[in-house]
Amino acid sequence: MKKVSRHEFLQIASLGLGALALDPLLTACAKATAVPSASTLPPVFTATTLPPTSAPVGVSPTDTQAATDTPLEPTQTNPPSSDTYLAVARGGDDPEALVRRALAALGGMEKFVPKGARVVIKPNICVAYHTYEYAATTNPWVVGALVRMALEAGAKSVQVLDYPFGGSASEAYAISGIQEQVQAAGGSMVPVSGIKFVDVDLPQAVDLKRLKVFKDALDADVLIDAPIAKHHGQARLTLGMKNLMGLVQRRETIHQNLGQRIADLASLFQPDLTVVDAVRVLMANGPTGGNLNDVKKLDTIIASPDIVAADSYATGLFGLAPDDIAYIRAASAMGLGRTDLENLKIEEIPVGG
């Protein structure tokens, strides 16, 4: 049977056909079942606590390739067959350079963004009362770089969105600095309107079988998850899978059986690419922070088409292991990705001096 792309899968799910109608398709495209947890992790990259410094210099927007109406090329649904499975770029003081080097190791943005694609990027823009220095929201230059690179790969449009729980979307978009960088790169910020949430079934879910999610993310040809790595009081860490909660209308439903339900949500969206921002990391008092003494400047980007692998690697930044995070354990048990980092081809890339 023909393999079903992520976009086709989500279109079917959004019709509310349920697990029964999707069963033949899921059988055809199912991934391997649970994989072993990592017994060893790469060395943790450490840094001293950073007081606020001058903001990075913004990058001038580059010319982007004109949008076309040509048919989409097949969406990349697996890691490039002979390339790096997960890339980690570290060092320097230019977030865009980190993103570009990490994506180059994976085969380039064109591996994930077909020409003419409608791309949605989901950063973490959870609150409207902290600038990016406090590491509660994704670094704006990381998001701007992803927008620019998607357009360079030939995307027809790039939308950036989140559903803040602290303050309005317009305030959060502006205060985070993300709006400025996205618009400079040629993308657009999309307010998450209540009328755009739709009921969907989660055919692969263990516990969370149906909920309302944001339609624009379902309709995207390519979904890029761009979380910031940070501490979280209940989940322990906010990483790629937990960042998807910003696409859900009633997040309190996820907080019941949190670990399993985050994994269930990941089974629905299955981002084409996850880019974890660890340029500035909130080490304590997350998810909102507010104290610069809780922030470390790590100048690190972790990227992979496997959201579970990306999250698993990021746990090491906090001195943890994948098994320490309930939603990573649940996602591994569901076969959504890899936690056995010692068996993966991981490229570590030094950037800058």
C-alpha atoms as a PDB file:
ATOM      1  CA  MET A   1       0.000   0.000   0.000  1.00  0.00           C
ATOM      2  CA  LYS A   2       1.168   3.512  -0.774  1.00  0.00           C
ATOM      3  CA  LYS A   3       2.696   5.265   2.236  1.00  0.00           C
ATOM      4  CA  VAL A   4       0.552   8.077   3.568  1.00  0.00           C
ATOM      5  CA  SER A   5       2.255  11.444   3.996  1.00  0.00           C
ATOM      6  CA  ARG A   6       1.871  13.447   7.177  1.00  0.00           C
ATOM      7  CA  HIS A   7      -0.301  15.996   5.360  1.00  0.00           C
ATOM      8  CA  GLU A   8      -2.626  13.301   3.968  1.00  0.00           C
ATOM      9  CA  PHE A   9      -2.855  11.677   7.404  1.00  0.00           C
ATOM     10  CA  LEU A  10      -3.853  14.965   9.045  1.00  0.00           C
ATOM     11  CA  GLN A  11      -6.397  15.784   6.358  1.00  0.00           C
ATOM     12  CA  ILE A  12      -8.123  12.462   7.023  1.00  0.00           C
ATOM     13  CA  ALA A  13      -7.954  12.943  10.790  1.00  0.00           C
ATOM     14  CA  SER A  14      -9.437  16.439  10.516  1.00  0.00           C
ATOM     15  CA  LEU A  15     -12.521  14.948   8.887  1.00  0.00           C
ATOM     16  CA  GLY A  16     -13.181  13.087  12.134  1.00  0.00           C
ATOM     17  CA  LEU A  17     -13.121   9.641  10.524  1.00  0.00           C
ATOM     18  CA  GLY A  18     -11.587   8.097  13.619  1.00  0.00           C
ATOM     19  CA  ALA A  19      -9.272   5.210  14.210  1.00  0.00           C
ATOM     20  CA  LEU A  20     -11.425   2.651  12.416  1.00  0.00           C
ATOM     21  CA  ALA A  21     -11.311   4.427   9.074  1.00  0.00           C
ATOM     22  CA  LEU A  22      -7.599   5.096   9.417  1.00  0.00           C
ATOM     23  CA  ASP A  23      -6.613   1.605  10.539  1.00  0.00           C
ATOM     24  CA  PRO A  24      -5.539   0.305   7.085  1.00  0.00           C
ATOM     25  CA  LEU A  25      -3.500   3.448   6.502  1.00  0.00           C
ATOM     26  CA  LEU A  26      -1.879   3.313   9.906  1.00  0.00           C
ATOM     27  CA  THR A  27      -0.985  -0.330   9.377  1.00  0.00           C
ATOM     28  CA  ALA A  28       0.695   0.579   6.111  1.00  0.00           C
ATOM     29  CA  CYS A  29       2.734   3.476   7.485  1.00  0.00           C
ATOM     30  CA  ALA A  30       3.296   2.417  11.097  1.00  0.00           C
ATOM     31  CA  LYS A  31       6.727   2.919  12.522  1.00  0.00           C
ATOM     32  CA  ALA A  32       8.566   0.414  14.692  1.00  0.00           C
ATOM     33  CA  THR A  33       7.204  -0.216  18.150  1.00  0.00           C
ATOM     34  CA  ALA A  34       8.934   0.822  21.351  1.00  0.00           C
ATOM     35  CA  VAL A  35      12.667   1.351  21.148  1.00  0.00           C
ATOM     36  CA  PRO A  36      15.164   0.960  23.951  1.00  0.00           C
ATOM     37  CA  SER A  37      15.928   3.950  26.138  1.00  0.00           C
ATOM     38  CA  ALA A  38      19.353   5.525  25.976  1.00  0.00           C
ATOM     39  CA  SER A  39      21.833   4.124  28.428  1.00  0.00           C
ATOM     40  CA  THR A  40      24.389   6.808  27.709  1.00  0.00           C
ATOM     41  CA  LEU A  41      24.128  10.401  26.631  1.00  0.00           C
ATOM     42  CA  PRO A  42      26.528  12.756  24.850  1.00  0.00           C
ATOM     43  CA  PRO A  43      28.517  14.990  27.191  1.00  0.00           C
ATOM     44  CA  VAL A  44      26.470  17.841  28.560  1.00  0.00           C
ATOM     45  CA  PHE A  45      27.532  21.237  27.245  1.00  0.00           C
ATOM     46  CA  THR A  46      27.794  23.546  30.232  1.00  0.00           C
ATOM     47  CA  ALA A  47      28.032  27.276  30.614  1.00  0.00           C
ATOM     48  CA  THR A  48      27.973  29.811  33.369  1.00  0.00           C
ATOM     49  CA  THR A  49      24.941  31.825  34.284  1.00  0.00           C
ATOM     50  CA  LEU A  50      24.606  34.782  31.982  1.00  0.00           C
ATOM     51  CA  PRO A  51      23.499  38.266  32.959  1.00  0.00           C
ATOM     52  CA  PRO A  52      21.777  40.262  30.210  1.00  0.00           C
ATOM     53  CA  THR A  53      24.043  41.431  27.448  1.00  0.00           C
ATOM     54  CA  SER A  54      23.422  43.335  24.287  1.00  0.00           C
ATOM     55  CA  ALA A  55      20.932  41.730  21.960  1.00  0.00           C
ATOM     56  CA  PRO A  56      22.252  39.913  18.879  1.00  0.00           C
ATOM     57  CA  VAL A  57      22.441  42.011  15.783  1.00  0.00           C
ATOM     58  CA  GLY A  58      19.467  41.472  13.513  1.00  0.00           C
ATOM     59  CA  VAL A  59      19.957  39.934  10.099  1.00  0.00           C
ATOM     60  CA  SER A  60      18.821  41.751   6.994  1.00  0.00           C
ATOM     61  CA  PRO A  61      16.254  39.810   5.034  1.00  0.00           C
ATOM     62  CA  THR A  62      17.481  38.085   1.905  1.00  0.00           C
ATOM     63  CA  ASP A  63      15.735  37.785  -1.391  1.00  0.00           C
ATOM     64  CA  THR A  64      13.442  34.783  -1.427  1.00  0.00           C
ATOM     65  CA  GLN A  65      12.521  32.566  -4.282  1.00  0.00           C
ATOM     66  CA  ALA A  66       9.288  33.572  -5.948  1.00  0.00           C
ATOM     67  CA  ALA A  67       6.313  31.415  -5.059  1.00  0.00           C
ATOM     68  CA  THR A  68       4.980  29.179  -7.798  1.00  0.00           C
ATOM     69  CA  ASP A  69       1.806  27.256  -8.377  1.00  0.00           C
ATOM     70  CA  THR A  70       3.635  24.097  -9.385  1.00  0.00           C
ATOM     71  CA  PRO A  71       2.540  20.847  -7.680  1.00  0.00           C
ATOM     72  CA  LEU A  72       4.204  20.022  -4.397  1.00  0.00           C
ATOM     73  CA  GLU A  73       7.038  17.562  -4.357  1.00  0.00           C
ATOM     74  CA  PRO A  74       6.624  14.622  -1.955  1.00  0.00           C
ATOM     75  CA  THR A  75       6.827  15.694   1.679  1.00  0.00           C
ATOM     76  CA  GLN A  76       9.874  14.403   3.581  1.00  0.00           C
ATOM     77  CA  THR A  77       8.487  12.078   6.253  1.00  0.00           C
ATOM     78  CA  ASN A  78      11.638  10.246   7.324  1.00  0.00           C
ATOM     79  CA  PRO A  79      15.206  11.295   8.074  1.00  0.00           C
ATOM     80  CA  PRO A  80      17.359  11.501   4.903  1.00  0.00           C
ATOM     81  CA  SER A  81      18.300   7.901   4.197  1.00  0.00           C
ATOM     82  CA  SER A  82      22.081   8.242   4.389  1.00  0.00           C
ATOM     83  CA  ASP A  83      22.476  11.533   6.239  1.00  0.00           C
ATOM     84  CA  THR A  84      22.806  12.575   9.843  1.00  0.00           C
ATOM     85  CA  TYR A  85      19.829  11.595  12.016  1.00  0.00           C
ATOM     86  CA  LEU A  86      20.290  14.399  14.521  1.00  0.00           C
ATOM     87  CA  ALA A  87      22.522  17.476  14.351  1.00  0.00           C
ATOM     88  CA  VAL A  88      23.814  19.658  17.176  1.00  0.00           C
ATOM     89  CA  ALA A  89      25.474  22.999  16.407  1.00  0.00           C
ATOM     90  CA  ARG A  90      27.259  24.844  19.227  1.00  0.00           C
ATOM     91  CA  GLY A  91      29.222  28.005  19.794  1.00  0.00           C
ATOM     92  CA  GLY A  92      29.580  31.504  18.438  1.00  0.00           C
ATOM     93  CA  ASP A  93      27.124  34.326  18.991  1.00  0.00           C
ATOM     94  CA  ASP A  94      24.952  34.097  15.866  1.00  0.00           C
ATOM     95  CA  PRO A  95      21.757  32.021  16.266  1.00  0.00           C
ATOM     96  CA  GLU A  96      21.124  31.997  12.520  1.00  0.00           C
ATOM     97  CA  ALA A  97      24.542  30.486  11.869  1.00  0.00           C
ATOM     98  CA  LEU A  98      23.739  27.713  14.360  1.00  0.00           C
ATOM     99  CA  VAL A  99      20.436  26.944  12.637  1.00  0.00           C
ATOM    100  CA  ARG A 100      22.012  26.909   9.191  1.00  0.00           C
ATOM    101  CA  ARG A 101      24.862  24.624  10.209  1.00  0.00           C
ATOM    102  CA  ALA A 102      22.541  22.170  11.946  1.00  0.00           C
ATOM    103  CA  LEU A 103      20.139  22.030   9.000  1.00  0.00           C
ATOM    104  CA  ALA A 104      23.003  21.647   6.526  1.00  0.00           C
ATOM    105  CA  ALA A 105      24.096  18.519   8.398  1.00  0.00           C
ATOM    106  CA  LEU A 106      20.596  17.073   7.920  1.00  0.00           C
ATOM    107  CA  GLY A 107      20.710  17.700   4.181  1.00  0.00           C
ATOM    108  CA  GLY A 108      19.402  21.283   4.070  1.00  0.00           C
ATOM    109  CA  MET A 109      15.974  22.826   4.512  1.00  0.00           C
ATOM    110  CA  GLU A 110      15.016  21.639   1.026  1.00  0.00           C
ATOM    111  CA  LYS A 111      14.901  18.101   2.440  1.00  0.00           C
ATOM    112  CA  PHE A 112      11.863  19.127   4.458  1.00  0.00           C
ATOM    113  CA  VAL A 113      10.244  21.972   2.506  1.00  0.00           C
ATOM    114  CA  PRO A 114       9.038  21.153  -1.028  1.00  0.00           C
ATOM    115  CA  LYS A 115       8.770  23.969  -3.549  1.00  0.00           C
ATOM    116  CA  GLY A 116       5.381  25.647  -3.304  1.00  0.00           C
ATOM    117  CA  ALA A 117       4.724  24.325   0.227  1.00  0.00           C
ATOM    118  CA  ARG A 118       2.662  26.115   2.841  1.00  0.00           C
ATOM    119  CA  VAL A 119       4.842  26.048   5.953  1.00  0.00           C
ATOM    120  CA  VAL A 120       3.768  26.586   9.547  1.00  0.00           C
ATOM    121  CA  ILE A 121       6.416  27.199  12.210  1.00  0.00           C
ATOM    122  CA  LYS A 122       5.377  26.688  15.833  1.00  0.00           C
ATOM    123  CA  PRO A 123       7.742  28.436  18.271  1.00  0.00           C
ATOM    124  CA  ASN A 124       7.076  28.853  21.976  1.00  0.00           C
ATOM    125  CA  ILE A 125       5.521  32.305  22.523  1.00  0.00           C
ATOM    126  CA  CYS A 126       3.737  31.445  25.754  1.00  0.00           C
ATOM    127  CA  VAL A 127       3.738  34.807  27.532  1.00  0.00           C
ATOM    128  CA  ALA A 128       3.559  38.515  26.766  1.00  0.00           C
ATOM    129  CA  TYR A 129       5.538  39.833  29.700  1.00  0.00           C
ATOM    130  CA  HIS A 130       9.130  38.721  29.114  1.00  0.00           C
ATOM    131  CA  THR A 131      11.574  39.559  26.344  1.00  0.00           C
ATOM    132  CA  TYR A 132      13.617  36.741  24.829  1.00  0.00           C
ATOM    133  CA  GLU A 133      16.502  37.251  27.269  1.00  0.00           C
ATOM    134  CA  TYR A 134      14.477  35.478  29.970  1.00  0.00           C
ATOM    135  CA  ALA A 135      14.357  32.268  27.897  1.00  0.00           C
ATOM    136  CA  ALA A 136      10.628  31.665  28.302  1.00  0.00           C
ATOM    137  CA  THR A 137      10.062  32.127  24.562  1.00  0.00           C
ATOM    138  CA  THR A 138      11.947  30.871  21.509  1.00  0.00           C
ATOM    139  CA  ASN A 139      14.887  32.976  20.403  1.00  0.00           C
ATOM    140  CA  PRO A 140      13.580  35.371  17.721  1.00  0.00           C
ATOM    141  CA  TRP A 141      16.671  35.017  15.533  1.00  0.00           C
ATOM    142  CA  VAL A 142      16.219  31.239  15.483  1.00  0.00           C
ATOM    143  CA  VAL A 143      12.636  31.653  14.258  1.00  0.00           C
ATOM    144  CA  GLY A 144      13.647  34.284  11.712  1.00  0.00           C
ATOM    145  CA  ALA A 145      16.326  31.967  10.351  1.00  0.00           C
ATOM    146  CA  LEU A 146      13.832  29.132   9.903  1.00  0.00           C
ATOM    147  CA  VAL A 147      11.449  31.450   8.029  1.00  0.00           C
ATOM    148  CA  ARG A 148      14.206  32.702   5.762  1.00  0.00           C
ATOM    149  CA  MET A 149      15.507  29.209   5.027  1.00  0.00           C
ATOM    150  CA  ALA A 150      12.028  27.847   4.260  1.00  0.00           C
ATOM    151  CA  LEU A 151      11.469  30.634   1.742  1.00  0.00           C
ATOM    152  CA  GLU A 152      14.908  30.047   0.246  1.00  0.00           C
ATOM    153  CA  ALA A 153      13.923  26.388  -0.214  1.00  0.00           C
ATOM    154  CA  GLY A 154      10.914  27.526  -2.259  1.00  0.00           C
ATOM    155  CA  ALA A 155       8.057  27.651   0.235  1.00  0.00           C
ATOM    156  CA  LYS A 156       4.974  29.453  -1.069  1.00  0.00           C
ATOM    157  CA  SER A 157       4.226  30.902   2.366  1.00  0.00           C
ATOM    158  CA  VAL A 158       5.552  30.687   5.913  1.00  0.00           C
ATOM    159  CA  GLN A 159       3.240  31.329   8.858  1.00  0.00           C
ATOM    160  CA  VAL A 160       4.391  31.558  12.460  1.00  0.00           C
ATOM    161  CA  LEU A 161       1.916  31.116  15.300  1.00  0.00           C
ATOM    162  CA  ASP A 162       1.296  30.196  18.922  1.00  0.00           C
ATOM    163  CA  TYR A 163      -1.544  30.367  21.454  1.00  0.00           C
ATOM    164  CA  PRO A 164      -0.158  32.254  24.488  1.00  0.00           C
ATOM    165  CA  PHE A 165      -1.551  31.596  27.944  1.00  0.00           C
ATOM    166  CA  GLY A 166      -0.117  34.830  29.392  1.00  0.00           C
ATOM    167  CA  GLY A 167      -1.313  37.972  27.624  1.00  0.00           C
ATOM    168  CA  SER A 168      -2.695  38.405  24.130  1.00  0.00           C
ATOM    169  CA  ALA A 169      -1.120  36.947  21.006  1.00  0.00           C
ATOM    170  CA  SER A 170      -0.407  40.389  19.550  1.00  0.00           C
ATOM    171  CA  GLU A 171       1.395  41.465  22.728  1.00  0.00           C
ATOM    172  CA  ALA A 172       3.336  38.202  23.011  1.00  0.00           C
ATOM    173  CA  TYR A 173       4.347  38.237  19.340  1.00  0.00           C
ATOM    174  CA  ALA A 174       5.748  41.766  19.706  1.00  0.00           C
ATOM    175  CA  ILE A 175       7.361  41.542  23.165  1.00  0.00           C
ATOM    176  CA  SER A 176       9.103  38.246  22.388  1.00  0.00           C
ATOM    177  CA  GLY A 177      10.860  39.873  19.432  1.00  0.00           C
ATOM    178  CA  ILE A 178       9.657  37.071  17.184  1.00  0.00           C
ATOM    179  CA  GLN A 179       7.255  39.202  15.147  1.00  0.00           C
ATOM    180  CA  GLU A 180       9.997  41.614  14.097  1.00  0.00           C
ATOM    181  CA  GLN A 181      12.356  38.873  12.958  1.00  0.00           C
ATOM    182  CA  VAL A 182       9.653  36.870  11.172  1.00  0.00           C
ATOM    183  CA  GLN A 183       8.436  39.865   9.205  1.00  0.00           C
ATOM    184  CA  ALA A 184      11.991  40.908   8.350  1.00  0.00           C
ATOM    185  CA  ALA A 185      12.585  37.403   6.972  1.00  0.00           C
ATOM    186  CA  GLY A 186       9.461  37.480   4.796  1.00  0.00           C
ATOM    187  CA  GLY A 187       7.074  35.405   6.898  1.00  0.00           C
ATOM    188  CA  SER A 188       3.795  36.319   8.574  1.00  0.00           C
ATOM    189  CA  MET A 189       2.528  36.097  12.135  1.00  0.00           C
ATOM    190  CA  VAL A 190      -0.887  34.454  12.424  1.00  0.00           C
ATOM    191  CA  PRO A 191      -3.178  35.135  15.388  1.00  0.00           C
ATOM    192  CA  VAL A 192      -4.674  31.924  16.751  1.00  0.00           C
ATOM    193  CA  SER A 193      -8.397  32.610  16.487  1.00  0.00           C
ATOM    194  CA  GLY A 194     -10.918  30.527  18.414  1.00  0.00           C
ATOM    195  CA  ILE A 195     -13.042  30.019  15.300  1.00  0.00           C
ATOM    196  CA  LYS A 196     -10.176  28.129  13.646  1.00  0.00           C
ATOM    197  CA  PHE A 197     -10.064  25.287  16.154  1.00  0.00           C
ATOM    198  CA  VAL A 198     -11.554  22.052  14.843  1.00  0.00           C
ATOM    199  CA  ASP A 199     -12.441  18.722  16.456  1.00  0.00           C
ATOM    200  CA  VAL A 200     -10.187  15.862  15.385  1.00  0.00           C
ATOM    201  CA  ASP A 201      -9.719  12.224  16.276  1.00  0.00           C
ATOM    202  CA  LEU A 202      -6.291  11.014  17.406  1.00  0.00           C
ATOM    203  CA  PRO A 203      -6.192   7.535  15.857  1.00  0.00           C
ATOM    204  CA  GLN A 204      -2.839   6.501  17.338  1.00  0.00           C
ATOM    205  CA  ALA A 205      -3.481   7.897  20.814  1.00  0.00           C
ATOM    206  CA  VAL A 206      -3.410   5.748  23.929  1.00  0.00           C
ATOM    207  CA  ASP A 207      -5.500   8.020  26.174  1.00  0.00           C
ATOM    208  CA  LEU A 208      -6.478  11.279  24.450  1.00  0.00           C
ATOM    209  CA  LYS A 209      -8.807  10.251  21.644  1.00  0.00           C
ATOM    210  CA  ARG A 210     -10.337  13.557  20.498  1.00  0.00           C
ATOM    211  CA  LEU A 211      -9.758  17.279  21.012  1.00  0.00           C
ATOM    212  CA  LYS A 212      -9.863  20.695  19.331  1.00  0.00           C
ATOM    213  CA  VAL A 213      -6.695  21.791  17.532  1.00  0.00           C
ATOM    214  CA  PHE A 214      -5.742  24.756  15.380  1.00  0.00           C
ATOM    215  CA  LYS A 215      -6.771  24.180  11.770  1.00  0.00           C
ATOM    216  CA  ASP A 216      -3.908  26.111  10.154  1.00  0.00           C
ATOM    217  CA  ALA A 217      -1.420  23.658  11.634  1.00  0.00           C
ATOM    218  CA  LEU A 218      -3.457  20.714  10.302  1.00  0.00           C
ATOM    219  CA  ASP A 219      -3.662  22.261   6.847  1.00  0.00           C
ATOM    220  CA  ALA A 220       0.046  23.023   6.551  1.00  0.00           C
ATOM    221  CA  ASP A 221       2.091  21.067   4.041  1.00  0.00           C
ATOM    222  CA  VAL A 222       5.073  21.293   6.402  1.00  0.00           C
ATOM    223  CA  LEU A 223       5.057  21.759  10.175  1.00  0.00           C
ATOM    224  CA  ILE A 224       8.274  22.899  11.850  1.00  0.00           C
ATOM    225  CA  ASP A 225       8.359  22.665  15.644  1.00  0.00           C
ATOM    226  CA  ALA A 226      10.698  25.287  17.158  1.00  0.00           C
ATOM    227  CA  PRO A 227      10.569  25.004  20.965  1.00  0.00           C
ATOM    228  CA  ILE A 228      12.879  26.610  23.454  1.00  0.00           C
ATOM    229  CA  ALA A 229      14.447  24.158  25.892  1.00  0.00           C
ATOM    230  CA  LYS A 230      13.344  25.105  29.397  1.00  0.00           C
ATOM    231  CA  HIS A 231      12.383  23.847  32.810  1.00  0.00           C
ATOM    232  CA  HIS A 232       8.729  23.126  33.538  1.00  0.00           C
ATOM    233  CA  GLY A 233       7.291  22.703  37.020  1.00  0.00           C
ATOM    234  CA  GLN A 234       4.930  19.845  36.160  1.00  0.00           C
ATOM    235  CA  ALA A 235       6.421  18.134  33.092  1.00  0.00           C
ATOM    236  CA  ARG A 236      10.039  18.759  34.247  1.00  0.00           C
ATOM    237  CA  LEU A 237      11.003  20.043  30.781  1.00  0.00           C
ATOM    238  CA  THR A 238       9.350  21.849  27.907  1.00  0.00           C
ATOM    239  CA  LEU A 239      10.810  20.568  24.633  1.00  0.00           C
ATOM    240  CA  GLY A 240       9.458  19.730  21.176  1.00  0.00           C
ATOM    241  CA  MET A 241       6.527  17.514  22.091  1.00  0.00           C
ATOM    242  CA  LYS A 242       5.270  19.707  24.897  1.00  0.00           C
ATOM    243  CA  ASN A 243       5.534  22.763  22.635  1.00  0.00           C
ATOM    244  CA  LEU A 244       2.720  21.278  20.537  1.00  0.00           C
ATOM    245  CA  MET A 245       0.295  22.097  23.354  1.00  0.00           C
ATOM    246  CA  GLY A 246       0.180  25.605  21.887  1.00  0.00           C
ATOM    247  CA  LEU A 247      -1.910  24.139  19.058  1.00  0.00           C
ATOM    248  CA  VAL A 248      -4.656  22.937  21.415  1.00  0.00           C
ATOM    249  CA  GLN A 249      -7.662  25.012  22.444  1.00  0.00           C
ATOM    250  CA  ARG A 250      -8.281  23.573  25.923  1.00  0.00           C
ATOM    251  CA  ARG A 251      -4.847  22.762  27.279  1.00  0.00           C
ATOM    252  CA  GLU A 252      -6.231  21.701  30.633  1.00  0.00           C
ATOM    253  CA  THR A 253      -7.364  18.458  28.985  1.00  0.00           C
ATOM    254  CA  ILE A 254      -3.698  17.646  28.295  1.00  0.00           C
ATOM    255  CA  HIS A 255      -2.724  18.204  31.926  1.00  0.00           C
ATOM    256  CA  GLN A 256      -4.778  15.180  32.943  1.00  0.00           C
ATOM    257  CA  ASN A 257      -2.322  12.296  32.517  1.00  0.00           C
ATOM    258  CA  LEU A 258       0.178  14.828  31.183  1.00  0.00           C
ATOM    259  CA  GLY A 259       2.978  12.572  29.971  1.00  0.00           C
ATOM    260  CA  GLN A 260       0.800  10.215  27.961  1.00  0.00           C
ATOM    261  CA  ARG A 261      -1.398  12.952  26.531  1.00  0.00           C
ATOM    262  CA  ILE A 262       1.566  15.000  25.305  1.00  0.00           C
ATOM    263  CA  ALA A 263       2.759  11.885  23.476  1.00  0.00           C
ATOM    264  CA  ASP A 264      -0.761  11.369  22.105  1.00  0.00           C
ATOM    265  CA  LEU A 265      -0.723  14.923  20.774  1.00  0.00           C
ATOM    266  CA  ALA A 266       2.642  14.318  19.113  1.00  0.00           C
ATOM    267  CA  SER A 267       1.163  11.269  17.397  1.00  0.00           C
ATOM    268  CA  LEU A 268      -1.336  13.557  15.672  1.00  0.00           C
ATOM    269  CA  PHE A 269       0.891  16.393  14.491  1.00  0.00           C
ATOM    270  CA  GLN A 270       4.160  14.521  13.810  1.00  0.00           C
ATOM    271  CA  PRO A 271       6.231  17.596  12.834  1.00  0.00           C
ATOM    272  CA  ASP A 272       8.361  17.275   9.733  1.00  0.00           C
ATOM    273  CA  LEU A 273      11.266  18.943  11.518  1.00  0.00           C
ATOM    274  CA  THR A 274      12.032  19.804  15.141  1.00  0.00           C
ATOM    275  CA  VAL A 275      14.572  22.528  15.922  1.00  0.00           C
ATOM    276  CA  VAL A 276      15.232  22.918  19.648  1.00  0.00           C
ATOM    277  CA  ASP A 277      16.437  26.383  20.624  1.00  0.00           C
ATOM    278  CA  ALA A 278      19.049  26.108  23.375  1.00  0.00           C
ATOM    279  CA  VAL A 279      20.717  29.443  22.706  1.00  0.00           C
ATOM    280  CA  ARG A 280      19.498  30.687  26.066  1.00  0.00           C
ATOM    281  CA  VAL A 281      18.060  28.013  28.361  1.00  0.00           C
ATOM    282  CA  LEU A 282      15.734  28.476  31.335  1.00  0.00           C
ATOM    283  CA  MET A 283      17.147  26.072  33.923  1.00  0.00           C
ATOM    284  CA  ALA A 284      14.638  26.657  36.740  1.00  0.00           C
ATOM    285  CA  ASN A 285      11.295  28.278  37.574  1.00  0.00           C
ATOM    286  CA  GLY A 286       9.751  27.450  34.198  1.00  0.00           C
ATOM    287  CA  PRO A 287       7.754  27.681  32.165  1.00  0.00           C
ATOM    288  CA  THR A 288       7.515  31.472  32.539  1.00  0.00           C
ATOM    289  CA  GLY A 289      10.717  32.327  34.405  1.00  0.00           C
ATOM    290  CA  GLY A 290      11.406  35.979  35.113  1.00  0.00           C
ATOM    291  CA  ASN A 291      14.833  35.808  36.749  1.00  0.00           C
ATOM    292  CA  LEU A 292      17.951  36.130  34.609  1.00  0.00           C
ATOM    293  CA  ASN A 293      19.875  34.132  37.217  1.00  0.00           C
ATOM    294  CA  ASP A 294      17.897  31.080  36.040  1.00  0.00           C
ATOM    295  CA  VAL A 295      19.153  31.478  32.457  1.00  0.00           C
ATOM    296  CA  LYS A 296      22.229  29.862  30.900  1.00  0.00           C
ATOM    297  CA  LYS A 297      23.628  30.865  27.535  1.00  0.00           C
ATOM    298  CA  LEU A 298      24.475  27.607  25.772  1.00  0.00           C
ATOM    299  CA  ASP A 299      24.491  28.786  22.134  1.00  0.00           C
ATOM    300  CA  THR A 300      23.204  25.402  20.968  1.00  0.00           C
ATOM    301  CA  ILE A 301      20.733  24.225  18.343  1.00  0.00           C
ATOM    302  CA  ILE A 302      19.446  20.635  18.181  1.00  0.00           C
ATOM    303  CA  ALA A 303      17.695  19.571  14.969  1.00  0.00           C
ATOM    304  CA  SER A 304      16.133  16.335  13.749  1.00  0.00           C
ATOM    305  CA  PRO A 305      13.125  15.105  11.769  1.00  0.00           C
ATOM    306  CA  ASP A 306      12.531  12.813  14.782  1.00  0.00           C
ATOM    307  CA  ILE A 307      10.889  14.864  17.551  1.00  0.00           C
ATOM    308  CA  VAL A 308      11.466  12.129  20.124  1.00  0.00           C
ATOM    309  CA  ALA A 309      15.187  11.953  19.344  1.00  0.00           C
ATOM    310  CA  ALA A 310      15.503  15.751  19.496  1.00  0.00           C
ATOM    311  CA  ASP A 311      13.764  15.869  22.861  1.00  0.00           C
ATOM    312  CA  SER A 312      15.809  12.942  24.135  1.00  0.00           C
ATOM    313  CA  TYR A 313      19.084  14.643  23.304  1.00  0.00           C
ATOM    314  CA  ALA A 314      17.925  17.925  24.857  1.00  0.00           C
ATOM    315  CA  THR A 315      17.379  16.286  28.245  1.00  0.00           C
ATOM    316  CA  GLY A 316      21.151  16.092  28.576  1.00  0.00           C
ATOM    317  CA  LEU A 317      21.355  19.877  28.689  1.00  0.00           C
ATOM    318  CA  PHE A 318      19.651  19.648  32.083  1.00  0.00           C
ATOM    319  CA  GLY A 319      21.635  16.677  33.392  1.00  0.00           C
ATOM    320  CA  LEU A 320      18.666  14.368  32.758  1.00  0.00           C
ATOM    321  CA  ALA A 321      18.041  11.300  30.599  1.00  0.00           C
ATOM    322  CA  PRO A 322      15.118  10.545  28.243  1.00  0.00           C
ATOM    323  CA  ASP A 323      13.574   8.130  30.757  1.00  0.00           C
ATOM    324  CA  ASP A 324      13.321  10.970  33.270  1.00  0.00           C
ATOM    325  CA  ILE A 325      10.615  12.684  31.182  1.00  0.00           C
ATOM    326  CA  ALA A 326       7.193  11.019  31.156  1.00  0.00           C
ATOM    327  CA  TYR A 327       6.158  12.172  27.688  1.00  0.00           C
ATOM    328  CA  ILE A 328       9.412  10.930  26.141  1.00  0.00           C
ATOM    329  CA  ARG A 329       8.899   7.519  27.748  1.00  0.00           C
ATOM    330  CA  ALA A 330       5.311   7.430  26.468  1.00  0.00           C
ATOM    331  CA  ALA A 331       6.265   8.492  22.946  1.00  0.00           C
ATOM    332  CA  SER A 332       8.990   5.865  22.822  1.00  0.00           C
ATOM    333  CA  ALA A 333       6.544   3.174  23.930  1.00  0.00           C
ATOM    334  CA  MET A 334       4.180   4.288  21.136  1.00  0.00           C
ATOM    335  CA  GLY A 335       6.936   3.978  18.535  1.00  0.00           C
ATOM    336  CA  LEU A 336       6.883   7.681  17.662  1.00  0.00           C
ATOM    337  CA  GLY A 337      10.655   8.047  17.564  1.00  0.00           C
ATOM    338  CA  ARG A 338      14.051   7.035  18.896  1.00  0.00           C
ATOM    339  CA  THR A 339      15.524   7.466  22.359  1.00  0.00           C
ATOM    340  CA  ASP A 340      18.539   5.178  21.850  1.00  0.00           C
ATOM    341  CA  LEU A 341      20.934   8.038  21.144  1.00  0.00           C
ATOM    342  CA  GLU A 342      23.997   5.807  21.268  1.00  0.00           C
ATOM    343  CA  ASN A 343      22.729   4.002  18.148  1.00  0.00           C
ATOM    344  CA  LEU A 344      21.974   7.137  16.117  1.00  0.00           C
ATOM    345  CA  LYS A 345      24.186   9.049  13.731  1.00  0.00           C
ATOM    346  CA  ILE A 346      24.576  12.351  15.570  1.00  0.00           C
ATOM    347  CA  GLU A 347      26.730  15.114  14.139  1.00  0.00           C
ATOM    348  CA  GLU A 348      28.202  17.621  16.578  1.00  0.00           C
ATOM    349  CA  ILE A 349      29.166  20.856  14.833  1.00  0.00           C
ATOM    350  CA  PRO A 350      31.343  23.562  16.403  1.00  0.00           C
ATOM    351  CA  VAL A 351      30.403  27.037  15.205  1.00  0.00           C
ATOM    352  CA  GLY A 352      32.433  30.194  15.751  1.00  0.00           C
ATOM    353  CA  GLY A 353      35.503  30.670  17.897  1.00  0.00           C
END
